[in-house]
């Protein structure tokens, strides 16, 4: 999935993705996309570990970028995010979110997002549902 045009849109104005240090990555598959985020002072807990909220934000944002790439001209917004955090990640590491489209309906997209550390160990598994808002005619 090519997310280059969405990436440019994300970088155009300050937003949560840029504030937390997310980088969106295209993939050769039509139903997947990726994002990377270094664990640093922008997204860690006071204890020095990646915040669970930042992990959920990463998952919701990469799924949103994927839905936006599939539906040019539409606004794609998360309406449900549910995740399990299974391992801590220390500041200085980088996490990668692998998003795979499970359902592509007319108005709803469902994504599974696995977040892994640089050792490819699972950090979080997240399900995201996006609502696709078509522009009014």
N, C-alpha and C. Protein backbone atom coordinates (compact mmCIF):
# COMPACT_ATOMS: atom_id res chain seq x y z
N UNK A 1 0.85 -1.17 0.00
CA UNK A 1 0.00 0.00 0.00
C UNK A 1 0.90 1.24 0.00
N UNK A 2 0.64 2.10 -0.93
CA UNK A 2 1.43 3.32 -1.03
C UNK A 2 0.80 4.41 -0.16
N UNK A 3 1.56 4.87 0.84
CA UNK A 3 1.05 5.90 1.75
C UNK A 3 1.81 7.22 1.59
N UNK A 4 2.55 7.36 0.51
CA UNK A 4 3.37 8.57 0.32
C UNK A 4 2.55 9.85 0.33
N UNK A 5 1.42 9.87 -0.38
CA UNK A 5 0.62 11.10 -0.43
C UNK A 5 0.01 11.42 0.93
N UNK A 6 -0.38 10.40 1.67
CA UNK A 6 -0.94 10.60 3.01
C UNK A 6 0.17 11.08 3.94
N UNK A 7 1.36 10.54 3.78
CA UNK A 7 2.51 10.96 4.58
C UNK A 7 2.78 12.45 4.42
N UNK A 8 2.68 12.95 3.19
CA UNK A 8 2.89 14.38 2.94
C UNK A 8 1.82 15.21 3.64
N UNK A 9 0.58 14.74 3.60
CA UNK A 9 -0.52 15.43 4.27
C UNK A 9 -0.29 15.48 5.78
N UNK A 10 0.16 14.36 6.35
CA UNK A 10 0.43 14.28 7.79
C UNK A 10 1.53 15.27 8.20
N UNK A 11 2.56 15.36 7.38
CA UNK A 11 3.70 16.22 7.70
C UNK A 11 3.41 17.71 7.47
N UNK A 12 2.31 18.02 6.78
CA UNK A 12 2.03 19.41 6.39
C UNK A 12 1.71 20.32 7.57
N UNK A 13 1.09 19.79 8.62
CA UNK A 13 0.71 20.59 9.78
C UNK A 13 1.04 19.83 11.05
N UNK A 14 1.34 20.54 12.14
CA UNK A 14 1.57 19.84 13.42
C UNK A 14 0.33 19.04 13.81
N UNK A 15 0.55 17.83 14.30
CA UNK A 15 -0.54 16.95 14.72
C UNK A 15 0.02 15.89 15.66
N UNK A 16 -0.83 15.01 16.14
CA UNK A 16 -0.39 13.99 17.10
C UNK A 16 0.69 13.09 16.52
N UNK A 17 0.55 12.70 15.26
CA UNK A 17 1.54 11.82 14.63
C UNK A 17 2.93 12.44 14.65
N UNK A 18 3.02 13.71 14.26
CA UNK A 18 4.33 14.36 14.24
C UNK A 18 4.82 14.65 15.66
N UNK A 19 3.90 14.98 16.56
CA UNK A 19 4.29 15.28 17.94
C UNK A 19 4.91 14.06 18.63
N UNK A 20 4.40 12.86 18.31
CA UNK A 20 4.91 11.64 18.94
C UNK A 20 6.07 11.01 18.18
N UNK A 21 6.36 11.52 16.97
CA UNK A 21 7.50 11.03 16.20
C UNK A 21 7.20 9.85 15.30
N UNK A 22 5.97 9.75 14.79
CA UNK A 22 5.59 8.64 13.92
C UNK A 22 6.07 8.87 12.49
N UNK A 23 6.49 7.78 11.86
CA UNK A 23 6.88 7.79 10.45
C UNK A 23 6.11 6.68 9.75
N UNK A 24 5.36 7.01 8.70
CA UNK A 24 4.53 6.04 8.01
C UNK A 24 5.27 5.48 6.79
N UNK A 25 5.10 4.17 6.56
CA UNK A 25 5.91 3.45 5.58
C UNK A 25 5.00 2.68 4.62
N UNK A 26 5.25 2.82 3.33
CA UNK A 26 4.53 2.05 2.33
C UNK A 26 4.99 0.59 2.34
N UNK A 27 4.12 -0.30 1.87
CA UNK A 27 4.45 -1.73 1.76
C UNK A 27 4.04 -2.21 0.37
N UNK A 28 4.57 -3.34 -0.07
CA UNK A 28 4.19 -3.84 -1.40
C UNK A 28 2.78 -4.45 -1.43
N UNK A 29 2.24 -4.85 -0.29
CA UNK A 29 0.91 -5.45 -0.23
C UNK A 29 -0.17 -4.37 -0.23
N UNK A 30 -1.30 -4.66 -0.86
CA UNK A 30 -2.40 -3.70 -0.96
C UNK A 30 -3.21 -3.57 0.34
N UNK A 31 -3.04 -4.51 1.25
CA UNK A 31 -3.86 -4.51 2.47
C UNK A 31 -3.04 -4.30 3.74
N UNK A 32 -1.83 -3.80 3.61
CA UNK A 32 -0.98 -3.56 4.79
C UNK A 32 -0.26 -2.23 4.68
N UNK A 33 0.08 -1.67 5.81
CA UNK A 33 0.98 -0.52 5.87
C UNK A 33 1.72 -0.58 7.21
N UNK A 34 2.70 0.27 7.36
CA UNK A 34 3.54 0.23 8.56
C UNK A 34 3.80 1.64 9.06
N UNK A 35 4.22 1.70 10.33
CA UNK A 35 4.68 2.96 10.91
C UNK A 35 5.77 2.64 11.91
N UNK A 36 6.66 3.58 12.08
CA UNK A 36 7.78 3.42 13.01
C UNK A 36 7.77 4.60 13.97
N UNK A 37 8.21 4.34 15.21
CA UNK A 37 8.27 5.41 16.21
C UNK A 37 9.38 5.08 17.21
N UNK A 38 10.29 6.02 17.35
CA UNK A 38 11.37 5.86 18.34
C UNK A 38 10.79 6.20 19.71
N UNK A 39 11.16 5.41 20.71
CA UNK A 39 10.71 5.66 22.09
C UNK A 39 11.63 6.71 22.69
N UNK A 40 11.04 7.89 22.97
CA UNK A 40 11.82 8.99 23.52
C UNK A 40 10.95 9.84 24.45
N UNK A 41 11.41 11.02 24.78
CA UNK A 41 10.71 11.88 25.75
C UNK A 41 9.31 12.28 25.29
N UNK A 42 9.01 12.16 24.00
CA UNK A 42 7.70 12.54 23.49
C UNK A 42 6.61 11.50 23.76
N UNK A 43 7.00 10.24 23.96
CA UNK A 43 6.02 9.17 24.03
C UNK A 43 6.26 8.14 25.14
N UNK A 44 7.12 8.47 26.07
CA UNK A 44 7.42 7.53 27.15
C UNK A 44 6.73 7.93 28.45
N UNK A 45 6.63 6.95 29.34
CA UNK A 45 6.15 7.20 30.70
C UNK A 45 7.28 7.86 31.50
N UNK A 46 6.98 8.39 32.67
CA UNK A 46 8.04 8.94 33.53
C UNK A 46 9.07 7.88 33.93
N UNK A 47 8.68 6.60 33.84
CA UNK A 47 9.58 5.50 34.22
C UNK A 47 10.55 5.11 33.11
N UNK A 48 10.41 5.73 31.93
CA UNK A 48 11.34 5.46 30.84
C UNK A 48 10.88 4.41 29.86
N UNK A 49 9.62 3.97 29.94
CA UNK A 49 9.08 2.98 29.02
C UNK A 49 8.04 3.61 28.10
N UNK A 50 7.84 3.00 26.94
CA UNK A 50 6.83 3.45 26.00
C UNK A 50 5.47 3.48 26.69
N UNK A 51 4.76 4.58 26.56
CA UNK A 51 3.42 4.71 27.13
C UNK A 51 2.44 3.84 26.35
N UNK A 52 1.54 3.17 27.07
CA UNK A 52 0.50 2.38 26.42
C UNK A 52 -0.39 3.26 25.56
N UNK A 53 -0.64 4.49 26.01
CA UNK A 53 -1.45 5.41 25.23
C UNK A 53 -0.77 5.78 23.92
N UNK A 54 0.55 5.91 23.95
CA UNK A 54 1.30 6.21 22.72
C UNK A 54 1.24 5.02 21.76
N UNK A 55 1.26 3.81 22.31
CA UNK A 55 1.12 2.61 21.46
C UNK A 55 -0.24 2.59 20.78
N UNK A 56 -1.29 2.89 21.54
CA UNK A 56 -2.64 2.93 20.95
C UNK A 56 -2.76 4.04 19.91
N UNK A 57 -2.12 5.18 20.19
CA UNK A 57 -2.14 6.28 19.22
C UNK A 57 -1.41 5.87 17.94
N UNK A 58 -0.29 5.17 18.07
CA UNK A 58 0.44 4.69 16.90
C UNK A 58 -0.43 3.76 16.07
N UNK A 59 -1.10 2.83 16.74
CA UNK A 59 -1.96 1.88 16.04
C UNK A 59 -3.12 2.58 15.33
N UNK A 60 -3.79 3.49 16.04
CA UNK A 60 -4.92 4.20 15.44
C UNK A 60 -4.47 5.05 14.25
N UNK A 61 -3.32 5.67 14.37
CA UNK A 61 -2.83 6.53 13.29
C UNK A 61 -2.39 5.73 12.07
N UNK A 62 -1.72 4.61 12.26
CA UNK A 62 -1.29 3.83 11.10
C UNK A 62 -2.51 3.23 10.40
N UNK A 63 -3.52 2.81 11.15
CA UNK A 63 -4.74 2.30 10.54
C UNK A 63 -5.47 3.42 9.80
N UNK A 64 -5.45 4.61 10.37
CA UNK A 64 -6.07 5.77 9.70
C UNK A 64 -5.37 6.13 8.41
N UNK A 65 -4.06 6.07 8.42
CA UNK A 65 -3.29 6.33 7.20
C UNK A 65 -3.63 5.27 6.15
N UNK A 66 -3.73 4.01 6.57
CA UNK A 66 -4.09 2.94 5.64
C UNK A 66 -5.47 3.15 5.03
N UNK A 67 -6.46 3.46 5.87
CA UNK A 67 -7.81 3.71 5.36
C UNK A 67 -7.83 4.92 4.42
N UNK A 68 -7.09 5.94 4.76
CA UNK A 68 -7.02 7.14 3.91
C UNK A 68 -6.38 6.83 2.56
N UNK A 69 -5.38 5.95 2.55
CA UNK A 69 -4.76 5.56 1.29
C UNK A 69 -5.73 4.77 0.42
N UNK A 70 -6.60 3.98 1.05
CA UNK A 70 -7.58 3.19 0.31
C UNK A 70 -8.77 4.02 -0.18
N UNK A 71 -9.03 5.15 0.47
CA UNK A 71 -10.20 5.97 0.16
C UNK A 71 -9.80 7.43 -0.04
N UNK A 72 -9.12 7.75 -1.13
CA UNK A 72 -8.68 9.13 -1.38
C UNK A 72 -9.87 10.09 -1.35
N UNK A 73 -9.66 11.23 -0.73
CA UNK A 73 -10.69 12.25 -0.66
C UNK A 73 -11.66 12.08 0.49
N UNK A 74 -11.58 10.97 1.19
CA UNK A 74 -12.46 10.73 2.34
C UNK A 74 -11.72 11.05 3.64
N UNK A 75 -12.49 11.34 4.67
CA UNK A 75 -11.93 11.48 6.01
C UNK A 75 -12.13 10.14 6.72
N UNK A 76 -11.06 9.57 7.22
CA UNK A 76 -11.13 8.27 7.89
C UNK A 76 -10.77 8.47 9.35
N UNK A 77 -11.73 8.18 10.22
CA UNK A 77 -11.54 8.45 11.65
C UNK A 77 -11.75 7.18 12.46
N UNK A 78 -10.95 7.03 13.50
CA UNK A 78 -11.08 5.88 14.38
C UNK A 78 -12.32 6.01 15.24
N UNK A 79 -13.11 4.92 15.31
CA UNK A 79 -14.29 4.93 16.18
C UNK A 79 -14.18 3.89 17.28
N UNK A 80 -13.20 2.98 17.16
CA UNK A 80 -12.95 2.03 18.24
C UNK A 80 -11.50 1.57 18.18
N UNK A 81 -10.86 1.58 19.34
CA UNK A 81 -9.48 1.11 19.46
C UNK A 81 -9.41 0.25 20.71
N UNK A 82 -8.91 -0.98 20.56
CA UNK A 82 -8.81 -1.88 21.70
C UNK A 82 -7.49 -2.64 21.58
N UNK A 83 -6.72 -2.61 22.65
CA UNK A 83 -5.42 -3.26 22.56
C UNK A 83 -4.97 -3.93 23.83
N UNK A 84 -4.02 -4.82 23.66
CA UNK A 84 -3.36 -5.49 24.78
C UNK A 84 -1.87 -5.23 24.69
N UNK A 85 -1.30 -4.76 25.79
CA UNK A 85 0.13 -4.52 25.86
C UNK A 85 0.76 -5.72 26.57
N UNK A 86 1.73 -6.35 25.92
CA UNK A 86 2.28 -7.59 26.46
C UNK A 86 3.75 -7.49 26.87
N UNK A 87 4.41 -6.39 26.52
CA UNK A 87 5.82 -6.24 26.87
C UNK A 87 6.18 -4.76 26.91
N UNK A 88 7.07 -4.40 27.82
CA UNK A 88 7.53 -3.02 27.92
C UNK A 88 8.68 -2.78 26.93
N UNK A 89 8.78 -1.52 26.50
CA UNK A 89 9.87 -1.10 25.61
C UNK A 89 10.55 0.09 26.25
N UNK A 90 11.86 0.01 26.42
CA UNK A 90 12.62 1.07 27.07
C UNK A 90 12.93 2.22 26.11
N UNK A 91 13.07 3.40 26.68
CA UNK A 91 13.47 4.57 25.91
C UNK A 91 14.75 4.26 25.15
N UNK A 92 14.80 4.72 23.90
CA UNK A 92 15.96 4.48 23.05
C UNK A 92 15.70 3.42 21.99
N UNK A 93 14.74 2.53 22.25
CA UNK A 93 14.38 1.51 21.26
C UNK A 93 13.42 2.14 20.24
N UNK A 94 13.16 1.43 19.18
CA UNK A 94 12.20 1.85 18.16
C UNK A 94 11.16 0.76 18.01
N UNK A 95 9.89 1.17 17.89
CA UNK A 95 8.83 0.19 17.66
C UNK A 95 8.30 0.36 16.24
N UNK A 96 7.82 -0.73 15.67
CA UNK A 96 7.23 -0.73 14.34
C UNK A 96 5.84 -1.31 14.44
N UNK A 97 4.87 -0.60 13.87
CA UNK A 97 3.49 -1.05 13.83
C UNK A 97 3.21 -1.65 12.46
N UNK A 98 2.74 -2.89 12.45
CA UNK A 98 2.39 -3.59 11.22
C UNK A 98 0.86 -3.68 11.17
N UNK A 99 0.24 -2.93 10.26
CA UNK A 99 -1.22 -2.88 10.17
C UNK A 99 -1.69 -3.72 8.99
N UNK A 100 -2.67 -4.59 9.27
CA UNK A 100 -3.25 -5.44 8.23
C UNK A 100 -4.76 -5.25 8.22
N UNK A 101 -5.29 -4.95 7.04
CA UNK A 101 -6.72 -4.74 6.87
C UNK A 101 -7.46 -6.07 6.98
N UNK A 102 -8.43 -6.14 7.90
CA UNK A 102 -9.23 -7.35 8.07
C UNK A 102 -10.57 -7.25 7.34
N UNK A 103 -11.12 -6.04 7.29
CA UNK A 103 -12.42 -5.83 6.64
C UNK A 103 -12.43 -4.47 5.97
N UNK A 104 -12.84 -4.45 4.71
CA UNK A 104 -12.97 -3.19 3.97
C UNK A 104 -14.41 -3.06 3.47
N UNK A 105 -15.23 -2.41 4.28
CA UNK A 105 -16.59 -2.16 3.88
C UNK A 105 -16.71 -0.78 3.26
N UNK A 106 -17.93 -0.41 2.93
CA UNK A 106 -18.18 0.89 2.33
C UNK A 106 -17.91 2.02 3.31
N UNK A 107 -18.32 1.81 4.57
CA UNK A 107 -18.14 2.87 5.58
C UNK A 107 -17.28 2.45 6.76
N UNK A 108 -16.99 1.18 6.92
CA UNK A 108 -16.17 0.71 8.04
C UNK A 108 -14.98 -0.10 7.55
N UNK A 109 -13.83 0.17 8.14
CA UNK A 109 -12.62 -0.63 7.93
C UNK A 109 -12.19 -1.16 9.29
N UNK A 110 -11.80 -2.43 9.33
CA UNK A 110 -11.28 -3.02 10.56
C UNK A 110 -9.84 -3.46 10.30
N UNK A 111 -8.95 -3.03 11.20
CA UNK A 111 -7.52 -3.31 11.07
C UNK A 111 -7.02 -4.08 12.29
N UNK A 112 -6.04 -4.94 12.07
CA UNK A 112 -5.27 -5.53 13.16
C UNK A 112 -3.88 -4.92 13.09
N UNK A 113 -3.40 -4.40 14.21
CA UNK A 113 -2.09 -3.77 14.25
C UNK A 113 -1.24 -4.43 15.31
N UNK A 114 -0.14 -5.05 14.90
CA UNK A 114 0.83 -5.60 15.84
C UNK A 114 2.00 -4.64 15.93
N UNK A 115 2.39 -4.31 17.15
CA UNK A 115 3.52 -3.41 17.38
C UNK A 115 4.66 -4.26 17.93
N UNK A 116 5.82 -4.14 17.31
CA UNK A 116 6.99 -4.95 17.68
C UNK A 116 8.19 -4.06 17.95
N UNK A 117 9.09 -4.53 18.79
CA UNK A 117 10.33 -3.80 19.07
C UNK A 117 11.38 -4.17 18.03
N UNK A 118 12.60 -3.66 18.19
CA UNK A 118 13.66 -3.92 17.19
C UNK A 118 14.09 -5.39 17.17
N UNK A 119 13.77 -6.14 18.23
CA UNK A 119 14.05 -7.58 18.25
C UNK A 119 12.90 -8.39 17.66
N UNK A 120 11.89 -7.69 17.11
CA UNK A 120 10.69 -8.30 16.52
C UNK A 120 9.80 -8.98 17.56
N UNK A 121 9.99 -8.65 18.83
CA UNK A 121 9.11 -9.19 19.88
C UNK A 121 7.83 -8.37 19.93
N UNK A 122 6.72 -9.07 20.14
CA UNK A 122 5.43 -8.40 20.20
C UNK A 122 5.34 -7.52 21.44
N UNK A 123 4.94 -6.28 21.24
CA UNK A 123 4.76 -5.30 22.32
C UNK A 123 3.28 -5.12 22.62
N UNK A 124 2.51 -4.89 21.57
CA UNK A 124 1.07 -4.67 21.70
C UNK A 124 0.36 -5.25 20.48
N UNK A 125 -0.86 -5.71 20.71
CA UNK A 125 -1.73 -6.14 19.62
C UNK A 125 -3.00 -5.32 19.73
N UNK A 126 -3.38 -4.65 18.64
CA UNK A 126 -4.45 -3.65 18.69
C UNK A 126 -5.42 -3.88 17.54
N UNK A 127 -6.70 -3.74 17.84
CA UNK A 127 -7.75 -3.77 16.81
C UNK A 127 -8.30 -2.36 16.67
N UNK A 128 -8.37 -1.87 15.43
CA UNK A 128 -8.85 -0.51 15.15
C UNK A 128 -10.00 -0.58 14.15
N UNK A 129 -11.08 0.11 14.45
CA UNK A 129 -12.19 0.26 13.51
C UNK A 129 -12.25 1.72 13.08
N UNK A 130 -12.22 1.94 11.77
CA UNK A 130 -12.30 3.29 11.21
C UNK A 130 -13.63 3.49 10.51
N UNK A 131 -14.15 4.70 10.65
CA UNK A 131 -15.34 5.12 9.93
C UNK A 131 -14.90 5.97 8.75
N UNK A 132 -15.37 5.65 7.57
CA UNK A 132 -14.99 6.36 6.35
C UNK A 132 -16.08 7.38 6.03
N UNK A 133 -15.70 8.65 6.06
CA UNK A 133 -16.64 9.74 5.79
C UNK A 133 -16.39 10.24 4.38
N UNK A 134 -17.39 10.04 3.54
CA UNK A 134 -17.28 10.48 2.15
C UNK A 134 -17.63 11.96 2.05
N UNK A 135 -16.97 12.69 1.15
CA UNK A 135 -17.29 14.12 1.01
C UNK A 135 -18.71 14.30 0.49
N UNK A 136 -19.36 15.36 0.95
CA UNK A 136 -20.72 15.67 0.49
C UNK A 136 -20.66 16.22 -0.93
N UNK A 137 -21.65 15.85 -1.70
CA UNK A 137 -21.68 16.27 -3.11
C UNK A 137 -22.31 17.63 -3.26
